[in-house]
Amino acid sequence: MPNLDQETYSIHFARFAAKLEKHLLTHGVSCSEADVIIEDSSTIFFDKLNKPKKAFLKLFKKQDPMSLFIESAGEALQKRIPEAQKTFGSYRAIEDCLK
């Protein structure tokens, strides 16, 4: 992936992560736990983005940064706070906090 694209995704990730952190804190997640969730979601986000299997497809279709972030954040939340998936950790709730 060209550096410009990687930088663009990094900027999107940072913007989304700030909104997710605020969302998590609003729902009673401790600051340290929110940091760990965001760190985990970062790993998942960039792993999915750089997956070699999809490199050929990426030439033709860019991944939507928001959808990729929501999926990654959802996975990280599921790992740390499984019960959150029914409320503030659902795909829809994360999507709403990013808008």
N, C-alpha and C. Protein backbone atom coordinates (compact mmCIF):
# COMPACT_ATOMS: atom_id res chain seq x y z
N MET A 1 0.84 -1.18 0.00
CA MET A 1 0.00 0.00 0.00
C MET A 1 0.89 1.25 0.00
N PRO A 2 0.61 2.19 -0.86
CA PRO A 2 1.41 3.42 -0.91
C PRO A 2 1.34 4.16 0.43
N ASN A 3 2.40 4.89 0.76
CA ASN A 3 2.46 5.62 2.02
C ASN A 3 1.32 6.62 2.16
N LEU A 4 0.95 7.25 1.08
CA LEU A 4 -0.12 8.24 1.14
C LEU A 4 -1.41 7.60 1.65
N ASP A 5 -1.75 6.41 1.13
CA ASP A 5 -2.95 5.72 1.59
C ASP A 5 -2.82 5.34 3.05
N GLN A 6 -1.67 4.86 3.45
CA GLN A 6 -1.45 4.45 4.85
C GLN A 6 -1.62 5.67 5.77
N GLU A 7 -1.09 6.80 5.35
CA GLU A 7 -1.22 8.02 6.15
C GLU A 7 -2.68 8.46 6.24
N THR A 8 -3.40 8.33 5.16
CA THR A 8 -4.81 8.71 5.16
C THR A 8 -5.59 7.84 6.14
N TYR A 9 -5.34 6.54 6.11
CA TYR A 9 -6.02 5.64 7.05
C TYR A 9 -5.61 5.94 8.49
N SER A 10 -4.36 6.32 8.71
CA SER A 10 -3.89 6.66 10.05
C SER A 10 -4.62 7.89 10.58
N ILE A 11 -4.82 8.86 9.72
CA ILE A 11 -5.53 10.08 10.12
C ILE A 11 -6.98 9.75 10.47
N HIS A 12 -7.62 8.94 9.63
CA HIS A 12 -8.99 8.52 9.93
C HIS A 12 -9.05 7.75 11.25
N PHE A 13 -8.09 6.84 11.44
CA PHE A 13 -8.09 6.05 12.67
C PHE A 13 -7.99 6.97 13.89
N ALA A 14 -7.09 7.92 13.86
CA ALA A 14 -6.90 8.83 15.00
C ALA A 14 -8.17 9.62 15.30
N ARG A 15 -8.82 10.08 14.26
CA ARG A 15 -10.06 10.84 14.44
C ARG A 15 -11.16 9.97 15.04
N PHE A 16 -11.30 8.76 14.52
CA PHE A 16 -12.31 7.84 15.02
C PHE A 16 -11.99 7.38 16.45
N ALA A 17 -10.72 7.16 16.74
CA ALA A 17 -10.31 6.70 18.07
C ALA A 17 -10.65 7.73 19.14
N ALA A 18 -10.48 9.01 18.82
CA ALA A 18 -10.82 10.06 19.78
C ALA A 18 -12.32 10.04 20.10
N LYS A 19 -13.13 9.84 19.07
CA LYS A 19 -14.58 9.78 19.28
C LYS A 19 -14.97 8.52 20.05
N LEU A 20 -14.32 7.40 19.74
CA LEU A 20 -14.61 6.16 20.45
C LEU A 20 -14.23 6.29 21.92
N GLU A 21 -13.10 6.91 22.20
CA GLU A 21 -12.68 7.07 23.59
C GLU A 21 -13.72 7.86 24.38
N LYS A 22 -14.20 8.92 23.81
CA LYS A 22 -15.23 9.73 24.47
C LYS A 22 -16.49 8.88 24.70
N HIS A 23 -16.87 8.10 23.71
CA HIS A 23 -18.03 7.22 23.79
C HIS A 23 -17.86 6.20 24.93
N LEU A 24 -16.69 5.59 25.00
CA LEU A 24 -16.43 4.59 26.04
C LEU A 24 -16.46 5.21 27.43
N LEU A 25 -15.83 6.36 27.58
CA LEU A 25 -15.81 7.03 28.88
C LEU A 25 -17.21 7.44 29.31
N THR A 26 -18.02 7.88 28.37
CA THR A 26 -19.41 8.25 28.66
C THR A 26 -20.20 7.05 29.18
N HIS A 27 -19.82 5.85 28.74
CA HIS A 27 -20.55 4.64 29.16
C HIS A 27 -19.86 3.92 30.32
N GLY A 28 -19.02 4.63 31.06
CA GLY A 28 -18.46 4.11 32.29
C GLY A 28 -17.22 3.25 32.17
N VAL A 29 -16.63 3.19 31.00
CA VAL A 29 -15.38 2.43 30.83
C VAL A 29 -14.25 3.28 31.38
N SER A 30 -13.39 2.67 32.17
CA SER A 30 -12.27 3.42 32.76
C SER A 30 -11.34 3.91 31.65
N CYS A 31 -10.61 4.95 31.97
CA CYS A 31 -9.69 5.54 30.99
C CYS A 31 -8.63 4.52 30.56
N SER A 32 -8.09 3.77 31.50
CA SER A 32 -7.06 2.80 31.15
C SER A 32 -7.63 1.66 30.30
N GLU A 33 -8.85 1.23 30.60
CA GLU A 33 -9.49 0.18 29.80
C GLU A 33 -9.81 0.70 28.40
N ALA A 34 -10.25 1.95 28.29
CA ALA A 34 -10.53 2.55 26.99
C ALA A 34 -9.25 2.61 26.15
N ASP A 35 -8.15 2.96 26.79
CA ASP A 35 -6.86 3.01 26.08
C ASP A 35 -6.48 1.64 25.53
N VAL A 36 -6.69 0.59 26.33
CA VAL A 36 -6.36 -0.77 25.90
C VAL A 36 -7.26 -1.19 24.74
N ILE A 37 -8.53 -0.84 24.81
CA ILE A 37 -9.48 -1.18 23.73
C ILE A 37 -9.06 -0.48 22.44
N ILE A 38 -8.70 0.78 22.53
CA ILE A 38 -8.29 1.53 21.35
C ILE A 38 -6.97 0.97 20.79
N GLU A 39 -6.07 0.60 21.68
CA GLU A 39 -4.81 0.00 21.24
C GLU A 39 -5.07 -1.33 20.51
N ASP A 40 -5.95 -2.15 21.08
CA ASP A 40 -6.31 -3.42 20.44
C ASP A 40 -6.98 -3.18 19.09
N SER A 41 -7.87 -2.20 19.05
CA SER A 41 -8.57 -1.91 17.79
C SER A 41 -7.59 -1.40 16.74
N SER A 42 -6.55 -0.69 17.16
CA SER A 42 -5.54 -0.22 16.22
C SER A 42 -4.81 -1.40 15.57
N THR A 43 -4.44 -2.36 16.38
CA THR A 43 -3.78 -3.55 15.86
C THR A 43 -4.67 -4.28 14.87
N ILE A 44 -5.93 -4.46 15.24
CA ILE A 44 -6.88 -5.15 14.37
C ILE A 44 -7.10 -4.37 13.08
N PHE A 45 -7.28 -3.06 13.20
CA PHE A 45 -7.54 -2.17 12.06
C PHE A 45 -6.42 -2.27 11.03
N PHE A 46 -5.17 -2.11 11.48
CA PHE A 46 -4.06 -2.09 10.54
C PHE A 46 -3.71 -3.49 10.04
N ASP A 47 -3.99 -4.51 10.85
CA ASP A 47 -3.81 -5.89 10.36
C ASP A 47 -4.78 -6.16 9.21
N LYS A 48 -6.04 -5.75 9.39
CA LYS A 48 -7.03 -5.96 8.34
C LYS A 48 -6.69 -5.14 7.09
N LEU A 49 -6.22 -3.95 7.32
CA LEU A 49 -5.88 -3.05 6.22
C LEU A 49 -4.72 -3.60 5.39
N ASN A 50 -3.77 -4.21 6.06
CA ASN A 50 -2.56 -4.68 5.39
C ASN A 50 -2.57 -6.17 5.07
N LYS A 51 -3.71 -6.80 5.19
CA LYS A 51 -3.81 -8.23 4.93
C LYS A 51 -3.35 -8.52 3.50
N PRO A 52 -2.34 -9.38 3.33
CA PRO A 52 -1.79 -9.62 1.99
C PRO A 52 -2.77 -10.27 1.02
N LYS A 53 -3.71 -11.06 1.50
CA LYS A 53 -4.67 -11.72 0.62
C LYS A 53 -5.47 -10.72 -0.22
N LYS A 54 -5.77 -9.61 0.38
CA LYS A 54 -6.63 -8.65 -0.28
C LYS A 54 -5.85 -7.58 -1.05
N ALA A 55 -4.55 -7.68 -1.10
CA ALA A 55 -3.74 -6.65 -1.74
C ALA A 55 -4.14 -6.44 -3.19
N PHE A 56 -4.42 -7.51 -3.90
CA PHE A 56 -4.82 -7.39 -5.30
C PHE A 56 -6.15 -6.66 -5.43
N LEU A 57 -7.09 -6.98 -4.56
CA LEU A 57 -8.40 -6.33 -4.61
C LEU A 57 -8.32 -4.86 -4.24
N LYS A 58 -7.36 -4.50 -3.39
CA LYS A 58 -7.21 -3.11 -2.96
C LYS A 58 -6.84 -2.18 -4.11
N LEU A 59 -6.26 -2.75 -5.16
CA LEU A 59 -5.93 -1.93 -6.32
C LEU A 59 -7.19 -1.40 -6.99
N PHE A 60 -8.28 -2.14 -6.84
CA PHE A 60 -9.53 -1.79 -7.50
C PHE A 60 -10.56 -1.16 -6.57
N LYS A 61 -10.47 -1.48 -5.31
CA LYS A 61 -11.49 -1.00 -4.37
C LYS A 61 -10.83 -0.61 -3.05
N LYS A 62 -11.03 0.62 -2.64
CA LYS A 62 -10.51 1.08 -1.36
C LYS A 62 -11.46 0.63 -0.25
N GLN A 63 -10.90 0.35 0.92
CA GLN A 63 -11.73 -0.01 2.06
C GLN A 63 -12.25 1.26 2.72
N ASP A 64 -13.50 1.21 3.15
CA ASP A 64 -14.09 2.35 3.85
C ASP A 64 -13.48 2.42 5.24
N PRO A 65 -12.78 3.51 5.56
CA PRO A 65 -12.10 3.61 6.86
C PRO A 65 -13.08 3.50 8.04
N MET A 66 -14.26 4.07 7.91
CA MET A 66 -15.21 4.03 9.02
C MET A 66 -15.69 2.61 9.28
N SER A 67 -16.07 1.90 8.24
CA SER A 67 -16.52 0.51 8.41
C SER A 67 -15.42 -0.36 8.99
N LEU A 68 -14.23 -0.17 8.49
CA LEU A 68 -13.09 -0.93 8.98
C LEU A 68 -12.84 -0.63 10.46
N PHE A 69 -12.96 0.64 10.84
CA PHE A 69 -12.76 1.02 12.23
C PHE A 69 -13.84 0.43 13.11
N ILE A 70 -15.09 0.49 12.68
CA ILE A 70 -16.20 -0.04 13.48
C ILE A 70 -16.02 -1.54 13.71
N GLU A 71 -15.66 -2.26 12.66
CA GLU A 71 -15.41 -3.70 12.81
C GLU A 71 -14.27 -3.96 13.79
N SER A 72 -13.21 -3.21 13.67
CA SER A 72 -12.04 -3.39 14.53
C SER A 72 -12.36 -3.04 15.98
N ALA A 73 -13.04 -1.93 16.18
CA ALA A 73 -13.41 -1.51 17.54
C ALA A 73 -14.37 -2.53 18.16
N GLY A 74 -15.30 -3.03 17.36
CA GLY A 74 -16.24 -4.04 17.85
C GLY A 74 -15.52 -5.30 18.30
N GLU A 75 -14.54 -5.73 17.53
CA GLU A 75 -13.76 -6.92 17.91
C GLU A 75 -12.97 -6.67 19.20
N ALA A 76 -12.37 -5.51 19.31
CA ALA A 76 -11.58 -5.18 20.51
C ALA A 76 -12.49 -5.10 21.73
N LEU A 77 -13.65 -4.51 21.57
CA LEU A 77 -14.61 -4.42 22.67
C LEU A 77 -15.12 -5.80 23.08
N GLN A 78 -15.39 -6.62 22.09
CA GLN A 78 -15.88 -7.98 22.35
C GLN A 78 -14.87 -8.76 23.19
N LYS A 79 -13.59 -8.54 22.91
CA LYS A 79 -12.54 -9.22 23.64
C LYS A 79 -12.46 -8.76 25.09
N ARG A 80 -12.63 -7.47 25.32
CA ARG A 80 -12.44 -6.88 26.65
C ARG A 80 -13.73 -6.82 27.47
N ILE A 81 -14.83 -6.47 26.81
CA ILE A 81 -16.11 -6.30 27.50
C ILE A 81 -17.20 -6.95 26.64
N PRO A 82 -17.31 -8.27 26.68
CA PRO A 82 -18.24 -8.98 25.80
C PRO A 82 -19.70 -8.51 25.91
N GLU A 83 -20.13 -8.17 27.12
CA GLU A 83 -21.52 -7.75 27.31
C GLU A 83 -21.84 -6.40 26.66
N ALA A 84 -20.81 -5.64 26.31
CA ALA A 84 -21.02 -4.33 25.68
C ALA A 84 -21.62 -4.45 24.29
N GLN A 85 -21.47 -5.61 23.68
CA GLN A 85 -21.97 -5.79 22.33
C GLN A 85 -23.50 -5.64 22.24
N LYS A 86 -24.16 -5.81 23.36
CA LYS A 86 -25.62 -5.68 23.39
C LYS A 86 -26.06 -4.23 23.56
N THR A 87 -25.13 -3.36 23.95
CA THR A 87 -25.48 -1.96 24.19
C THR A 87 -24.52 -1.02 23.46
N PHE A 88 -23.65 -0.36 24.22
CA PHE A 88 -22.78 0.67 23.65
C PHE A 88 -21.66 0.13 22.76
N GLY A 89 -21.47 -1.18 22.72
CA GLY A 89 -20.42 -1.76 21.89
C GLY A 89 -20.92 -2.39 20.61
N SER A 90 -22.20 -2.19 20.32
CA SER A 90 -22.77 -2.75 19.08
C SER A 90 -22.27 -1.96 17.87
N TYR A 91 -22.37 -2.59 16.72
CA TYR A 91 -21.94 -1.94 15.47
C TYR A 91 -22.66 -0.60 15.33
N ARG A 92 -23.96 -0.62 15.55
CA ARG A 92 -24.79 0.59 15.39
C ARG A 92 -24.40 1.69 16.38
N ALA A 93 -24.15 1.31 17.65
CA ALA A 93 -23.78 2.29 18.66
C ALA A 93 -22.43 2.94 18.35
N ILE A 94 -21.48 2.11 17.90
CA ILE A 94 -20.16 2.65 17.53
C ILE A 94 -20.30 3.55 16.31
N GLU A 95 -21.08 3.11 15.35
CA GLU A 95 -21.30 3.92 14.15
C GLU A 95 -21.91 5.26 14.50
N ASP A 96 -22.88 5.27 15.38
CA ASP A 96 -23.54 6.52 15.79
C ASP A 96 -22.57 7.46 16.50
N CYS A 97 -21.67 6.91 17.31
CA CYS A 97 -20.73 7.78 18.05
C CYS A 97 -19.71 8.41 17.11
N LEU A 98 -19.49 7.82 15.93
CA LEU A 98 -18.50 8.35 15.00
C LEU A 98 -19.07 9.45 14.09
N LYS A 99 -20.37 9.55 14.05
CA LYS A 99 -20.99 10.54 13.15
C LYS A 99 -21.04 11.92 13.76
